[in-house]
Amino acid sequence: MNEEAIIEKIISEAKQEAESIINEAKQEAEKGVAENLKSLNDYKEKRIEEAREEATQIKENEISVAELQARNMILEEKQKQIRLIKQKIEEKLLNLEGEEYITFVKTTIKNANFEKGSEIILPEKQKQQVIKALNGEFKISDETRAFESGFIVKKENVEYNYVLDTILDLEKEKVDKILADILFG
């Protein structure tokens, strides 16, 4: 072999070796890029899924808050309606006069089965009309008290309170429940 053929062979082998190294480097680079691309895609998909879950949670929270606010507004309006109706009922009861008041006193006394020795304490403004209406059926006390409507039955040292604003205060929760059942039941 001559010198030129040897040089030619060395150059040819060097070119093949260089091409092989370049091809191997390209394959390694493509493999690295593919791995990095897959890793980036996996990361992107994970972040998208986390964002979706977070958005869903935020949406559910906002819906829950809105539902709670709506429920509270409805409840507040119902309570307002109950207060208004109860106020009208209280006004009507506390301002009983004439036959309505007499009927209330007679019916309550008869339903309670008070003994004949009991005496009735009345407010001053309604005392005379009750005395006439009861026509001596029950003893009316000379004592009067400062209340708007109703009466007190006294038997010796025990008093039974039928003053309407006191009864309404004592029965507040029952009245509220009855009104709520009637209005919204």
C-alpha atoms as a PDB file:
ATOM      1  CA  MET A   1       0.000   0.000   0.000  1.00  0.00           C
ATOM      2  CA  ASN A   2       1.264   3.283  -0.752  1.00  0.00           C
ATOM      3  CA  GLU A   3       1.257   6.219   1.365  1.00  0.00           C
ATOM      4  CA  GLU A   4      -1.675   7.909  -0.236  1.00  0.00           C
ATOM      5  CA  ALA A   5      -3.848   4.855   0.083  1.00  0.00           C
ATOM      6  CA  ILE A   6      -2.980   4.612   3.753  1.00  0.00           C
ATOM      7  CA  ILE A   7      -3.797   8.295   4.308  1.00  0.00           C
ATOM      8  CA  GLU A   8      -6.975   7.849   2.319  1.00  0.00           C
ATOM      9  CA  LYS A   9      -7.900   4.827   4.441  1.00  0.00           C
ATOM     10  CA  ILE A  10      -7.141   6.702   7.702  1.00  0.00           C
ATOM     11  CA  ILE A  11      -9.199   9.687   6.529  1.00  0.00           C
ATOM     12  CA  SER A  12     -12.039   7.394   5.454  1.00  0.00           C
ATOM     13  CA  GLU A  13     -12.007   5.559   8.801  1.00  0.00           C
ATOM     14  CA  ALA A  14     -11.816   8.895  10.643  1.00  0.00           C
ATOM     15  CA  LYS A  15     -14.824  10.163   8.674  1.00  0.00           C
ATOM     16  CA  GLN A  16     -16.758   6.986   9.493  1.00  0.00           C
ATOM     17  CA  GLU A  17     -15.783   7.243  13.138  1.00  0.00           C
ATOM     18  CA  ALA A  18     -16.786  10.947  13.155  1.00  0.00           C
ATOM     19  CA  GLU A  19     -20.112  10.121  11.498  1.00  0.00           C
ATOM     20  CA  SER A  20     -20.711   7.337  13.987  1.00  0.00           C
ATOM     21  CA  ILE A  21     -19.917   9.684  16.918  1.00  0.00           C
ATOM     22  CA  ILE A  22     -22.148  12.403  15.402  1.00  0.00           C
ATOM     23  CA  ASN A  23     -24.998   9.919  14.856  1.00  0.00           C
ATOM     24  CA  GLU A  24     -24.604   8.583  18.375  1.00  0.00           C
ATOM     25  CA  ALA A  25     -24.584  12.150  19.769  1.00  0.00           C
ATOM     26  CA  LYS A  26     -27.689  12.994  17.710  1.00  0.00           C
ATOM     27  CA  GLN A  27     -29.441   9.904  19.044  1.00  0.00           C
ATOM     28  CA  GLU A  28     -28.465  10.792  22.629  1.00  0.00           C
ATOM     29  CA  ALA A  29     -29.619  14.392  22.096  1.00  0.00           C
ATOM     30  CA  GLU A  30     -32.926  13.253  20.573  1.00  0.00           C
ATOM     31  CA  LYS A  31     -33.390  10.803  23.435  1.00  0.00           C
ATOM     32  CA  GLY A  32     -32.681  13.579  25.992  1.00  0.00           C
ATOM     33  CA  VAL A  33     -35.020  15.986  24.198  1.00  0.00           C
ATOM     34  CA  ALA A  34     -37.735  13.293  24.063  1.00  0.00           C
ATOM     35  CA  GLU A  35     -37.291  12.536  27.771  1.00  0.00           C
ATOM     36  CA  ASN A  36     -37.338  16.244  28.636  1.00  0.00           C
ATOM     37  CA  LEU A  37     -40.365  16.773  26.401  1.00  0.00           C
ATOM     38  CA  LYS A  38     -42.158  13.846  28.060  1.00  0.00           C
ATOM     39  CA  SER A  39     -41.228  15.169  31.502  1.00  0.00           C
ATOM     40  CA  LEU A  40     -42.493  18.649  30.559  1.00  0.00           C
ATOM     41  CA  ASN A  41     -45.717  17.202  29.154  1.00  0.00           C
ATOM     42  CA  ASP A  42     -46.234  15.121  32.298  1.00  0.00           C
ATOM     43  CA  TYR A  43     -45.606  18.226  34.432  1.00  0.00           C
ATOM     44  CA  LYS A  44     -47.981  20.269  32.247  1.00  0.00           C
ATOM     45  CA  GLU A  45     -50.720  17.624  32.504  1.00  0.00           C
ATOM     46  CA  LYS A  46     -50.263  17.405  36.270  1.00  0.00           C
ATOM     47  CA  ARG A  47     -50.522  21.212  36.640  1.00  0.00           C
ATOM     48  CA  ILE A  48     -53.597  21.307  34.362  1.00  0.00           C
ATOM     49  CA  GLU A  49     -55.286  18.597  36.454  1.00  0.00           C
ATOM     50  CA  GLU A  50     -54.396  20.426  39.693  1.00  0.00           C
ATOM     51  CA  ALA A  51     -55.783  23.658  38.220  1.00  0.00           C
ATOM     52  CA  ARG A  52     -59.004  21.863  37.231  1.00  0.00           C
ATOM     53  CA  GLU A  53     -59.384  20.391  40.720  1.00  0.00           C
ATOM     54  CA  GLU A  54     -58.704  23.780  42.299  1.00  0.00           C
ATOM     55  CA  ALA A  55     -61.216  25.474  39.968  1.00  0.00           C
ATOM     56  CA  THR A  56     -63.814  22.811  40.799  1.00  0.00           C
ATOM     57  CA  GLN A  57     -63.203  23.296  44.528  1.00  0.00           C
ATOM     58  CA  ILE A  58     -63.468  27.087  44.201  1.00  0.00           C
ATOM     59  CA  LYS A  59     -66.685  26.713  42.207  1.00  0.00           C
ATOM     60  CA  GLU A  60     -68.166  24.319  44.787  1.00  0.00           C
ATOM     61  CA  ASN A  61     -67.173  26.672  47.616  1.00  0.00           C
ATOM     62  CA  GLU A  62     -68.763  29.640  45.858  1.00  0.00           C
ATOM     63  CA  ILE A  63     -71.940  27.646  45.246  1.00  0.00           C
ATOM     64  CA  SER A  64     -72.042  26.599  48.918  1.00  0.00           C
ATOM     65  CA  VAL A  65     -71.547  30.182  50.067  1.00  0.00           C
ATOM     66  CA  ALA A  66     -74.260  31.410  47.679  1.00  0.00           C
ATOM     67  CA  GLU A  67     -76.680  28.699  48.848  1.00  0.00           C
ATOM     68  CA  LEU A  68     -75.962  29.561  52.492  1.00  0.00           C
ATOM     69  CA  GLN A  69     -76.513  33.265  51.832  1.00  0.00           C
ATOM     70  CA  ALA A  70     -79.774  32.523  50.016  1.00  0.00           C
ATOM     71  CA  ARG A  71     -80.946  30.283  52.867  1.00  0.00           C
ATOM     72  CA  ASN A  72     -80.070  32.976  55.399  1.00  0.00           C
ATOM     73  CA  MET A  73     -81.937  35.615  53.384  1.00  0.00           C
ATOM     74  CA  ILE A  74     -85.017  33.389  53.197  1.00  0.00           C
ATOM     75  CA  LEU A  75     -84.816  32.643  56.916  1.00  0.00           C
ATOM     76  CA  GLU A  76     -84.417  36.338  57.709  1.00  0.00           C
ATOM     77  CA  GLU A  77     -87.467  37.184  55.596  1.00  0.00           C
ATOM     78  CA  LYS A  78     -89.503  34.431  57.267  1.00  0.00           C
ATOM     79  CA  GLN A  79     -88.513  35.728  60.698  1.00  0.00           C
ATOM     80  CA  LYS A  80     -89.489  39.236  59.627  1.00  0.00           C
ATOM     81  CA  GLN A  81     -92.914  37.984  58.507  1.00  0.00           C
ATOM     82  CA  ILE A  82     -93.383  36.115  61.796  1.00  0.00           C
ATOM     83  CA  ARG A  83     -92.455  39.262  63.772  1.00  0.00           C
ATOM     84  CA  LEU A  84     -94.910  41.409  61.781  1.00  0.00           C
ATOM     85  CA  ILE A  85     -97.802  38.975  62.177  1.00  0.00           C
ATOM     86  CA  LYS A  86     -97.009  38.393  65.832  1.00  0.00           C
ATOM     87  CA  GLN A  87     -96.914  42.138  66.408  1.00  0.00           C
ATOM     88  CA  LYS A  88    -100.382  42.497  64.848  1.00  0.00           C
ATOM     89  CA  ILE A  89    -101.701  39.610  66.952  1.00  0.00           C
ATOM     90  CA  GLU A  90    -100.227  41.133  70.112  1.00  0.00           C
ATOM     91  CA  GLU A  91    -101.719  44.531  69.293  1.00  0.00           C
ATOM     92  CA  LYS A  92    -105.119  42.927  68.743  1.00  0.00           C
ATOM     93  CA  LEU A  93    -104.943  40.905  71.986  1.00  0.00           C
ATOM     94  CA  LEU A  94    -103.589  43.746  74.095  1.00  0.00           C
ATOM     95  CA  ASN A  95    -106.294  46.075  72.828  1.00  0.00           C
ATOM     96  CA  LEU A  96    -109.271  43.791  73.441  1.00  0.00           C
ATOM     97  CA  GLU A  97    -112.261  45.847  74.460  1.00  0.00           C
ATOM     98  CA  GLY A  98    -115.962  45.506  74.892  1.00  0.00           C
ATOM     99  CA  GLU A  99    -117.515  42.150  74.082  1.00  0.00           C
ATOM    100  CA  GLU A 100    -114.209  40.612  72.928  1.00  0.00           C
ATOM    101  CA  TYR A 101    -112.602  41.372  76.291  1.00  0.00           C
ATOM    102  CA  ILE A 102    -115.629  40.146  78.241  1.00  0.00           C
ATOM    103  CA  THR A 103    -115.711  36.924  76.200  1.00  0.00           C
ATOM    104  CA  PHE A 104    -111.986  36.371  76.857  1.00  0.00           C
ATOM    105  CA  VAL A 105    -112.411  36.874  80.628  1.00  0.00           C
ATOM    106  CA  LYS A 106    -115.527  34.653  80.895  1.00  0.00           C
ATOM    107  CA  THR A 107    -114.130  31.855  78.713  1.00  0.00           C
ATOM    108  CA  THR A 108    -110.771  31.801  80.484  1.00  0.00           C
ATOM    109  CA  ILE A 109    -112.319  31.752  83.957  1.00  0.00           C
ATOM    110  CA  LYS A 110    -114.764  28.979  83.040  1.00  0.00           C
ATOM    111  CA  ASN A 111    -112.080  26.854  81.336  1.00  0.00           C
ATOM    112  CA  ALA A 112    -109.777  27.190  84.344  1.00  0.00           C
ATOM    113  CA  ASN A 113    -112.472  25.994  86.803  1.00  0.00           C
ATOM    114  CA  PHE A 114    -111.638  28.485  89.524  1.00  0.00           C
ATOM    115  CA  GLU A 115    -113.429  28.084  92.815  1.00  0.00           C
ATOM    116  CA  LYS A 116    -116.049  30.551  93.973  1.00  0.00           C
ATOM    117  CA  GLY A 117    -113.723  31.931  96.686  1.00  0.00           C
ATOM    118  CA  SER A 118    -111.362  33.298  94.064  1.00  0.00           C
ATOM    119  CA  GLU A 119    -111.352  36.971  93.253  1.00  0.00           C
ATOM    120  CA  ILE A 120    -110.473  38.632  89.980  1.00  0.00           C
ATOM    121  CA  ILE A 121    -108.055  41.539  89.752  1.00  0.00           C
ATOM    122  CA  LEU A 122    -108.645  43.704  86.678  1.00  0.00           C
ATOM    123  CA  PRO A 123    -107.049  46.708  85.033  1.00  0.00           C
ATOM    124  CA  GLU A 124    -108.811  49.957  85.952  1.00  0.00           C
ATOM    125  CA  LYS A 125    -109.887  50.798  82.401  1.00  0.00           C
ATOM    126  CA  GLN A 126    -111.957  47.601  81.995  1.00  0.00           C
ATOM    127  CA  LYS A 127    -113.122  46.971  85.528  1.00  0.00           C
ATOM    128  CA  GLN A 128    -116.626  48.444  85.277  1.00  0.00           C
ATOM    129  CA  GLN A 129    -117.589  46.633  82.080  1.00  0.00           C
ATOM    130  CA  VAL A 130    -116.414  43.267  83.474  1.00  0.00           C
ATOM    131  CA  ILE A 131    -118.354  43.788  86.710  1.00  0.00           C
ATOM    132  CA  LYS A 132    -121.531  44.346  84.673  1.00  0.00           C
ATOM    133  CA  ALA A 133    -120.859  41.405  82.356  1.00  0.00           C
ATOM    134  CA  LEU A 134    -120.055  38.866  85.080  1.00  0.00           C
ATOM    135  CA  ASN A 135    -123.204  39.894  86.932  1.00  0.00           C
ATOM    136  CA  GLY A 136    -121.981  38.661  90.297  1.00  0.00           C
ATOM    137  CA  GLU A 137    -120.762  35.228  89.079  1.00  0.00           C
ATOM    138  CA  PHE A 138    -117.279  35.890  90.458  1.00  0.00           C
ATOM    139  CA  LYS A 139    -115.918  38.208  93.084  1.00  0.00           C
ATOM    140  CA  ILE A 140    -114.145  41.233  91.614  1.00  0.00           C
ATOM    141  CA  SER A 141    -111.327  42.564  93.775  1.00  0.00           C
ATOM    142  CA  ASP A 142    -111.294  46.195  94.827  1.00  0.00           C
ATOM    143  CA  GLU A 143    -107.596  46.122  93.939  1.00  0.00           C
ATOM    144  CA  THR A 144    -106.550  47.128  90.430  1.00  0.00           C
ATOM    145  CA  ARG A 145    -103.209  46.619  88.692  1.00  0.00           C
ATOM    146  CA  ALA A 146    -101.317  48.425  85.964  1.00  0.00           C
ATOM    147  CA  PHE A 147    -101.581  46.163  82.940  1.00  0.00           C
ATOM    148  CA  GLU A 148    -103.223  46.664  79.569  1.00  0.00           C
ATOM    149  CA  SER A 149    -105.326  43.585  79.011  1.00  0.00           C
ATOM    150  CA  GLY A 150    -106.123  40.384  80.804  1.00  0.00           C
ATOM    151  CA  PHE A 151    -106.690  39.697  84.491  1.00  0.00           C
ATOM    152  CA  ILE A 152    -105.286  38.000  87.582  1.00  0.00           C
ATOM    153  CA  VAL A 153    -107.160  35.439  89.657  1.00  0.00           C
ATOM    154  CA  LYS A 154    -106.279  35.504  93.343  1.00  0.00           C
ATOM    155  CA  LYS A 155    -107.070  32.644  95.693  1.00  0.00           C
ATOM    156  CA  GLU A 156    -105.800  33.384  99.185  1.00  0.00           C
ATOM    157  CA  ASN A 157    -102.059  34.091  98.680  1.00  0.00           C
ATOM    158  CA  VAL A 158    -101.764  32.484  95.247  1.00  0.00           C
ATOM    159  CA  GLU A 159    -102.152  34.507  92.047  1.00  0.00           C
ATOM    160  CA  TYR A 160    -102.838  33.063  88.598  1.00  0.00           C
ATOM    161  CA  ASN A 161    -101.624  35.455  85.942  1.00  0.00           C
ATOM    162  CA  TYR A 162    -103.783  35.849  82.842  1.00  0.00           C
ATOM    163  CA  VAL A 163    -102.298  39.187  81.822  1.00  0.00           C
ATOM    164  CA  LEU A 164    -102.010  38.934  78.047  1.00  0.00           C
ATOM    165  CA  ASP A 165     -98.575  40.511  77.557  1.00  0.00           C
ATOM    166  CA  THR A 166     -97.163  38.181  80.243  1.00  0.00           C
ATOM    167  CA  ILE A 167     -98.773  35.158  78.575  1.00  0.00           C
ATOM    168  CA  LEU A 168     -97.387  36.237  75.200  1.00  0.00           C
ATOM    169  CA  ASP A 169     -93.896  36.605  76.681  1.00  0.00           C
ATOM    170  CA  LEU A 170     -94.071  33.184  78.338  1.00  0.00           C
ATOM    171  CA  GLU A 171     -95.409  31.488  75.225  1.00  0.00           C
ATOM    172  CA  LYS A 172     -93.154  33.343  72.736  1.00  0.00           C
ATOM    173  CA  GLU A 173     -91.383  30.245  71.384  1.00  0.00           C
ATOM    174  CA  LYS A 174     -94.639  28.283  71.013  1.00  0.00           C
ATOM    175  CA  VAL A 175     -96.302  31.208  69.247  1.00  0.00           C
ATOM    176  CA  ASP A 176     -93.312  31.615  66.916  1.00  0.00           C
ATOM    177  CA  LYS A 177     -93.380  27.902  66.062  1.00  0.00           C
ATOM    178  CA  ILE A 178     -97.124  27.869  65.452  1.00  0.00           C
ATOM    179  CA  LEU A 179     -96.867  30.922  63.205  1.00  0.00           C
ATOM    180  CA  ALA A 180     -93.946  29.386  61.291  1.00  0.00           C
ATOM    181  CA  ASP A 181     -95.886  26.143  60.814  1.00  0.00           C
ATOM    182  CA  ILE A 182     -98.952  28.009  59.591  1.00  0.00           C
ATOM    183  CA  LEU A 183     -97.051  30.358  57.299  1.00  0.00           C
ATOM    184  CA  PHE A 184     -94.330  28.094  55.959  1.00  0.00           C
ATOM    185  CA  GLY A 185     -95.307  24.569  57.012  1.00  0.00           C
END
